[in-house]
All heavy atoms as atom14 arrays in JSON, in Angstrom:
{
  "sequence": "GNERELVAMMNSDEVTDYGASVKGRFTISRD",
  "atom14_mask": [
    [1, 1, 1, 1, 0, 0, 0, 0, 0, 0, 0, 0, 0, 0],
    [1, 1, 1, 1, 1, 1, 1, 1, 0, 0, 0, 0, 0, 0],
    [1, 1, 1, 1, 1, 1, 1, 1, 1, 0, 0, 0, 0, 0],
    [1, 1, 1, 1, 1, 1, 1, 1, 1, 1, 1, 0, 0, 0],
    [1, 1, 1, 1, 1, 1, 1, 1, 1, 0, 0, 0, 0, 0],
    [1, 1, 1, 1, 1, 1, 1, 1, 0, 0, 0, 0, 0, 0],
    [1, 1, 1, 1, 1, 1, 1, 0, 0, 0, 0, 0, 0, 0],
    [1, 1, 1, 1, 1, 0, 0, 0, 0, 0, 0, 0, 0, 0],
    [1, 1, 1, 1, 1, 1, 1, 1, 0, 0, 0, 0, 0, 0],
    [1, 1, 1, 1, 1, 1, 1, 1, 0, 0, 0, 0, 0, 0],
    [1, 1, 1, 1, 1, 1, 1, 1, 0, 0, 0, 0, 0, 0],
    [1, 1, 1, 1, 1, 1, 0, 0, 0, 0, 0, 0, 0, 0],
    [1, 1, 1, 1, 1, 1, 1, 1, 0, 0, 0, 0, 0, 0],
    [1, 1, 1, 1, 1, 1, 1, 1, 1, 0, 0, 0, 0, 0],
    [1, 1, 1, 1, 1, 1, 1, 0, 0, 0, 0, 0, 0, 0],
    [1, 1, 1, 1, 1, 1, 1, 0, 0, 0, 0, 0, 0, 0],
    [1, 1, 1, 1, 1, 1, 1, 1, 0, 0, 0, 0, 0, 0],
    [1, 1, 1, 1, 1, 1, 1, 1, 1, 1, 1, 1, 0, 0],
    [1, 1, 1, 1, 0, 0, 0, 0, 0, 0, 0, 0, 0, 0],
    [1, 1, 1, 1, 1, 0, 0, 0, 0, 0, 0, 0, 0, 0],
    [1, 1, 1, 1, 1, 1, 0, 0, 0, 0, 0, 0, 0, 0],
    [1, 1, 1, 1, 1, 1, 1, 0, 0, 0, 0, 0, 0, 0],
    [1, 1, 1, 1, 1, 1, 1, 1, 1, 0, 0, 0, 0, 0],
    [1, 1, 1, 1, 0, 0, 0, 0, 0, 0, 0, 0, 0, 0],
    [1, 1, 1, 1, 1, 1, 1, 1, 1, 1, 1, 0, 0, 0],
    [1, 1, 1, 1, 1, 1, 1, 1, 1, 1, 1, 0, 0, 0],
    [1, 1, 1, 1, 1, 1, 1, 0, 0, 0, 0, 0, 0, 0],
    [1, 1, 1, 1, 1, 1, 1, 1, 0, 0, 0, 0, 0, 0],
    [1, 1, 1, 1, 1, 1, 0, 0, 0, 0, 0, 0, 0, 0],
    [1, 1, 1, 1, 1, 1, 1, 1, 1, 1, 1, 0, 0, 0],
    [1, 1, 1, 1, 1, 1, 1, 1, 0, 0, 0, 0, 0, 0]
  ],
  "atom14_positions": [
    [[-16.9, -9.85, 6.3], [-16.53, -11.26, 6.49], [-15.04, -11.54, 6.35], [-14.6, -12.69, 6.53], [0.0, 0.0, 0.0], [0.0, 0.0, 0.0], [0.0, 0.0, 0.0], [0.0, 0.0, 0.0], [0.0, 0.0, 0.0], [0.0, 0.0, 0.0], [0.0, 0.0, 0.0], [0.0, 0.0, 0.0], [0.0, 0.0, 0.0], [0.0, 0.0, 0.0]],
    [[-14.26, -10.51, 6.02], [-12.82, -10.69, 5.81], [-12.03, -9.98, 6.88], [-12.51, -9.08, 7.56], [-12.39, -10.15, 4.46], [-12.91, -10.98, 3.3], [-13.55, -11.98, 3.52], [-12.66, -10.51, 2.11], [0.0, 0.0, 0.0], [0.0, 0.0, 0.0], [0.0, 0.0, 0.0], [0.0, 0.0, 0.0], [0.0, 0.0, 0.0], [0.0, 0.0, 0.0]],
    [[-10.77, -10.37, 7.03], [-9.88, -9.67, 7.95], [-9.37, -8.39, 7.3], [-9.38, -8.25, 6.07], [-8.68, -10.58, 8.31], [-9.06, -11.78, 9.1], [-7.83, -12.58, 9.56], [-6.72, -12.23, 9.14], [-7.99, -13.54, 10.32], [0.0, 0.0, 0.0], [0.0, 0.0, 0.0], [0.0, 0.0, 0.0], [0.0, 0.0, 0.0], [0.0, 0.0, 0.0]],
    [[-8.93, -7.47, 8.14], [-8.35, -6.23, 7.61], [-7.03, -6.58, 6.95], [-6.21, -7.33, 7.5], [-8.15, -5.21, 8.74], [-7.89, -3.81, 8.29], [-7.94, -2.82, 9.43], [-9.3, -2.7, 9.98], [-9.64, -1.75, 10.84], [-8.75, -0.87, 11.27], [-10.89, -1.71, 11.31], [0.0, 0.0, 0.0], [0.0, 0.0, 0.0], [0.0, 0.0, 0.0]],
    [[-6.82, -6.03, 5.75], [-5.6, -6.37, 4.99], [-4.87, -5.13, 4.52], [-5.49, -4.07, 4.31], [-5.97, -7.25, 3.78], [-6.83, -6.54, 2.75], [-7.02, -7.41, 1.51], [-6.52, -8.55, 1.43], [-7.72, -6.91, 0.6], [0.0, 0.0, 0.0], [0.0, 0.0, 0.0], [0.0, 0.0, 0.0], [0.0, 0.0, 0.0], [0.0, 0.0, 0.0]],
    [[-3.58, -5.28, 4.32], [-2.75, -4.21, 3.83], [-3.12, -3.85, 2.41], [-3.28, -4.71, 1.55], [-1.28, -4.64, 3.85], [-0.29, -3.73, 3.12], [-0.12, -2.41, 3.87], [1.06, -4.43, 2.94], [0.0, 0.0, 0.0], [0.0, 0.0, 0.0], [0.0, 0.0, 0.0], [0.0, 0.0, 0.0], [0.0, 0.0, 0.0], [0.0, 0.0, 0.0]],
    [[-3.25, -2.55, 2.16], [-3.4, -2.02, 0.78], [-2.06, -1.44, 0.39], [-1.43, -1.88, -0.57], [-4.51, -0.98, 0.68], [-4.57, -0.44, -0.74], [-5.84, -1.6, 1.1], [0.0, 0.0, 0.0], [0.0, 0.0, 0.0], [0.0, 0.0, 0.0], [0.0, 0.0, 0.0], [0.0, 0.0, 0.0], [0.0, 0.0, 0.0], [0.0, 0.0, 0.0]],
    [[-1.61, -0.4, 1.1], [-0.32, 0.26, 0.78], [0.11, 1.08, 1.96], [-0.7, 1.71, 2.61], [-0.46, 1.11, -0.47], [0.0, 0.0, 0.0], [0.0, 0.0, 0.0], [0.0, 0.0, 0.0], [0.0, 0.0, 0.0], [0.0, 0.0, 0.0], [0.0, 0.0, 0.0], [0.0, 0.0, 0.0], [0.0, 0.0, 0.0], [0.0, 0.0, 0.0]],
    [[1.4, 1.09, 2.22], [1.99, 1.91, 3.26], [3.23, 2.59, 2.69], [3.9, 2.06, 1.79], [2.37, 1.08, 4.47], [1.22, 0.45, 5.21], [0.15, 1.63, 6.06], [1.16, 2.12, 7.44], [0.0, 0.0, 0.0], [0.0, 0.0, 0.0], [0.0, 0.0, 0.0], [0.0, 0.0, 0.0], [0.0, 0.0, 0.0], [0.0, 0.0, 0.0]],
    [[3.57, 3.77, 3.23], [4.77, 4.49, 2.82], [5.41, 5.11, 4.07], [4.7, 5.75, 4.85], [4.4, 5.59, 1.8], [5.6, 6.46, 1.4], [5.15, 7.77, 0.24], [5.09, 6.9, -1.31], [0.0, 0.0, 0.0], [0.0, 0.0, 0.0], [0.0, 0.0, 0.0], [0.0, 0.0, 0.0], [0.0, 0.0, 0.0], [0.0, 0.0, 0.0]],
    [[6.74, 4.94, 4.19], [7.41, 5.57, 5.33], [7.99, 6.92, 4.97], [7.83, 7.38, 3.83], [8.45, 4.61, 5.92], [9.64, 4.4, 4.98], [9.82, 5.11, 4.0], [10.46, 3.41, 5.3], [0.0, 0.0, 0.0], [0.0, 0.0, 0.0], [0.0, 0.0, 0.0], [0.0, 0.0, 0.0], [0.0, 0.0, 0.0], [0.0, 0.0, 0.0]],
    [[8.65, 7.54, 5.9], [9.16, 8.89, 5.67], [10.27, 8.94, 4.62], [10.56, 10.01, 4.08], [9.67, 9.49, 6.98], [10.66, 8.65, 7.54], [0.0, 0.0, 0.0], [0.0, 0.0, 0.0], [0.0, 0.0, 0.0], [0.0, 0.0, 0.0], [0.0, 0.0, 0.0], [0.0, 0.0, 0.0], [0.0, 0.0, 0.0], [0.0, 0.0, 0.0]],
    [[10.88, 7.8, 4.31], [11.87, 7.73, 3.21], [11.23, 7.37, 1.89], [11.91, 7.07, 0.91], [12.94, 6.69, 3.56], [13.78, 7.1, 4.74], [14.07, 8.3, 4.88], [14.14, 6.23, 5.56], [0.0, 0.0, 0.0], [0.0, 0.0, 0.0], [0.0, 0.0, 0.0], [0.0, 0.0, 0.0], [0.0, 0.0, 0.0], [0.0, 0.0, 0.0]],
    [[9.88, 7.36, 1.91], [9.1, 7.05, 0.69], [9.3, 5.61, 0.22], [9.12, 5.33, -0.97], [9.32, 8.07, -0.4], [8.96, 9.5, -0.01], [8.94, 10.46, -1.17], [9.36, 10.1, -2.27], [8.49, 11.6, -0.97], [0.0, 0.0, 0.0], [0.0, 0.0, 0.0], [0.0, 0.0, 0.0], [0.0, 0.0, 0.0], [0.0, 0.0, 0.0]],
    [[9.67, 4.76, 1.13], [9.69, 3.32, 0.82], [8.27, 2.8, 0.94], [7.56, 3.09, 1.91], [10.62, 2.57, 1.76], [10.54, 1.05, 1.52], [12.02, 3.07, 1.65], [0.0, 0.0, 0.0], [0.0, 0.0, 0.0], [0.0, 0.0, 0.0], [0.0, 0.0, 0.0], [0.0, 0.0, 0.0], [0.0, 0.0, 0.0], [0.0, 0.0, 0.0]],
    [[7.8, 2.07, -0.07], [6.43, 1.64, -0.11], [6.31, 0.12, 0.06], [7.22, -0.63, -0.2], [5.78, 2.01, -1.44], [6.52, 1.44, -2.51], [5.76, 3.53, -1.62], [0.0, 0.0, 0.0], [0.0, 0.0, 0.0], [0.0, 0.0, 0.0], [0.0, 0.0, 0.0], [0.0, 0.0, 0.0], [0.0, 0.0, 0.0], [0.0, 0.0, 0.0]],
    [[5.11, -0.27, 0.48], [4.75, -1.68, 0.62], [3.32, -1.8, 0.13], [2.44, -1.1, 0.67], [4.9, -2.15, 2.07], [4.7, -3.63, 2.22], [4.75, -4.37, 1.24], [4.46, -4.06, 3.39], [0.0, 0.0, 0.0], [0.0, 0.0, 0.0], [0.0, 0.0, 0.0], [0.0, 0.0, 0.0], [0.0, 0.0, 0.0], [0.0, 0.0, 0.0]],
    [[3.07, -2.66, -0.82], [1.74, -2.84, -1.38], [1.23, -4.26, -1.13], [1.98, -5.23, -1.16], [1.74, -2.62, -2.88], [1.91, -1.18, -3.33], [3.17, -0.66, -3.61], [0.81, -0.35, -3.44], [3.32, 0.63, -4.0], [0.94, 0.97, -3.84], [2.2, 1.47, -4.1], [2.36, 2.77, -4.53], [0.0, 0.0, 0.0], [0.0, 0.0, 0.0]],
    [[-0.08, -4.37, -0.96], [-0.69, -5.68, -0.92], [-0.66, -6.3, -2.32], [-0.72, -5.58, -3.33], [0.0, 0.0, 0.0], [0.0, 0.0, 0.0], [0.0, 0.0, 0.0], [0.0, 0.0, 0.0], [0.0, 0.0, 0.0], [0.0, 0.0, 0.0], [0.0, 0.0, 0.0], [0.0, 0.0, 0.0], [0.0, 0.0, 0.0], [0.0, 0.0, 0.0]],
    [[-0.55, -7.63, -2.36], [-0.35, -8.31, -3.64], [-1.52, -8.02, -4.62], [-1.29, -7.91, -5.83], [-0.21, -9.79, -3.41], [0.0, 0.0, 0.0], [0.0, 0.0, 0.0], [0.0, 0.0, 0.0], [0.0, 0.0, 0.0], [0.0, 0.0, 0.0], [0.0, 0.0, 0.0], [0.0, 0.0, 0.0], [0.0, 0.0, 0.0], [0.0, 0.0, 0.0]],
    [[-2.72, -7.92, -4.08], [-3.88, -7.8, -4.96], [-4.01, -6.43, -5.61], [-4.82, -6.26, -6.52], [-5.16, -8.13, -4.18], [-5.31, -7.23, -3.13], [0.0, 0.0, 0.0], [0.0, 0.0, 0.0], [0.0, 0.0, 0.0], [0.0, 0.0, 0.0], [0.0, 0.0, 0.0], [0.0, 0.0, 0.0], [0.0, 0.0, 0.0], [0.0, 0.0, 0.0]],
    [[-3.26, -5.44, -5.14], [-3.4, -4.09, -5.69], [-2.15, -3.61, -6.44], [-2.16, -2.53, -7.04], [-3.74, -3.07, -4.58], [-4.96, -3.51, -3.79], [-2.56, -2.79, -3.66], [0.0, 0.0, 0.0], [0.0, 0.0, 0.0], [0.0, 0.0, 0.0], [0.0, 0.0, 0.0], [0.0, 0.0, 0.0], [0.0, 0.0, 0.0], [0.0, 0.0, 0.0]],
    [[-1.09, -4.38, -6.4], [0.15, -3.97, -7.08], [-0.1, -3.74, -8.57], [-0.77, -4.52, -9.22], [1.23, -5.05, -6.91], [1.92, -5.01, -5.57], [3.02, -6.06, -5.49], [3.72, -6.0, -4.16], [4.75, -7.07, -4.02], [0.0, 0.0, 0.0], [0.0, 0.0, 0.0], [0.0, 0.0, 0.0], [0.0, 0.0, 0.0], [0.0, 0.0, 0.0]],
    [[0.4, -2.61, -9.05], [0.24, -2.28, -10.47], [-1.02, -1.51, -10.74], [-1.2, -0.95, -11.86], [0.0, 0.0, 0.0], [0.0, 0.0, 0.0], [0.0, 0.0, 0.0], [0.0, 0.0, 0.0], [0.0, 0.0, 0.0], [0.0, 0.0, 0.0], [0.0, 0.0, 0.0], [0.0, 0.0, 0.0], [0.0, 0.0, 0.0], [0.0, 0.0, 0.0]],
    [[-1.96, -1.47, -9.79], [-3.24, -0.74, -10.0], [-3.37, 0.46, -9.06], [-3.96, 1.47, -9.43], [-4.41, -1.68, -9.77], [-4.46, -2.86, -10.72], [-5.75, -3.66, -10.55], [-5.91, -4.21, -9.24], [-6.94, -3.97, -8.41], [-7.91, -3.17, -8.81], [-6.99, -4.53, -7.23], [0.0, 0.0, 0.0], [0.0, 0.0, 0.0], [0.0, 0.0, 0.0]],
    [[-2.85, 0.34, -7.84], [-2.95, 1.4, -6.86], [-1.6, 2.06, -6.66], [-0.54, 1.36, -6.72], [-3.41, 0.83, -5.52], [-4.83, 0.33, -5.49], [-5.58, 0.21, -6.63], [-5.42, -0.01, -4.27], [-6.9, -0.25, -6.59], [-6.73, -0.47, -4.2], [-7.44, -0.61, -5.38], [0.0, 0.0, 0.0], [0.0, 0.0, 0.0], [0.0, 0.0, 0.0]],
    [[-1.61, 3.36, -6.36], [-0.38, 4.07, -6.1], [-0.54, 4.95, -4.85], [-1.48, 5.71, -4.76], [0.03, 4.97, -7.28], [0.13, 4.18, -8.45], [1.34, 5.68, -7.01], [0.0, 0.0, 0.0], [0.0, 0.0, 0.0], [0.0, 0.0, 0.0], [0.0, 0.0, 0.0], [0.0, 0.0, 0.0], [0.0, 0.0, 0.0], [0.0, 0.0, 0.0]],
    [[0.39, 4.79, -3.93], [0.37, 5.6, -2.71], [1.37, 6.76, -2.87], [2.44, 6.6, -3.47], [0.71, 4.75, -1.46], [0.47, 5.55, -0.17], [2.11, 4.19, -1.52], [0.55, 4.74, 1.09], [0.0, 0.0, 0.0], [0.0, 0.0, 0.0], [0.0, 0.0, 0.0], [0.0, 0.0, 0.0], [0.0, 0.0, 0.0], [0.0, 0.0, 0.0]],
    [[1.01, 7.9, -2.34], [1.88, 9.04, -2.33], [1.61, 9.86, -1.05], [0.6, 9.63, -0.39], [1.69, 9.92, -3.58], [0.35, 10.41, -3.64], [0.0, 0.0, 0.0], [0.0, 0.0, 0.0], [0.0, 0.0, 0.0], [0.0, 0.0, 0.0], [0.0, 0.0, 0.0], [0.0, 0.0, 0.0], [0.0, 0.0, 0.0], [0.0, 0.0, 0.0]],
    [[2.48, 10.8, -0.75], [2.28, 11.59, 0.47], [2.82, 13.01, 0.28], [3.74, 13.22, -0.48], [2.87, 10.9, 1.7], [4.37, 10.72, 1.65], [4.83, 9.87, 2.84], [4.76, 10.58, 4.09], [4.95, 10.02, 5.3], [5.23, 8.72, 5.4], [4.9, 10.73, 6.41], [0.0, 0.0, 0.0], [0.0, 0.0, 0.0], [0.0, 0.0, 0.0]],
    [[2.23, 13.91, 1.05], [2.68, 15.3, 1.13], [3.11, 15.51, 2.58], [2.27, 15.67, 3.46], [1.54, 16.23, 0.72], [1.97, 17.69, 0.72], [2.94, 18.04, 1.41], [1.32, 18.49, 0.02], [0.0, 0.0, 0.0], [0.0, 0.0, 0.0], [0.0, 0.0, 0.0], [0.0, 0.0, 0.0], [0.0, 0.0, 0.0], [0.0, 0.0, 0.0]]
  ]
}
């Protein structure tokens, strides 16, 4: 019943963007 929403994204420079509802609880990382 909800729209798709941002959780977290990371670019190749490791700059991150988090959705407001998950900040401080979720952590994105990449290999």
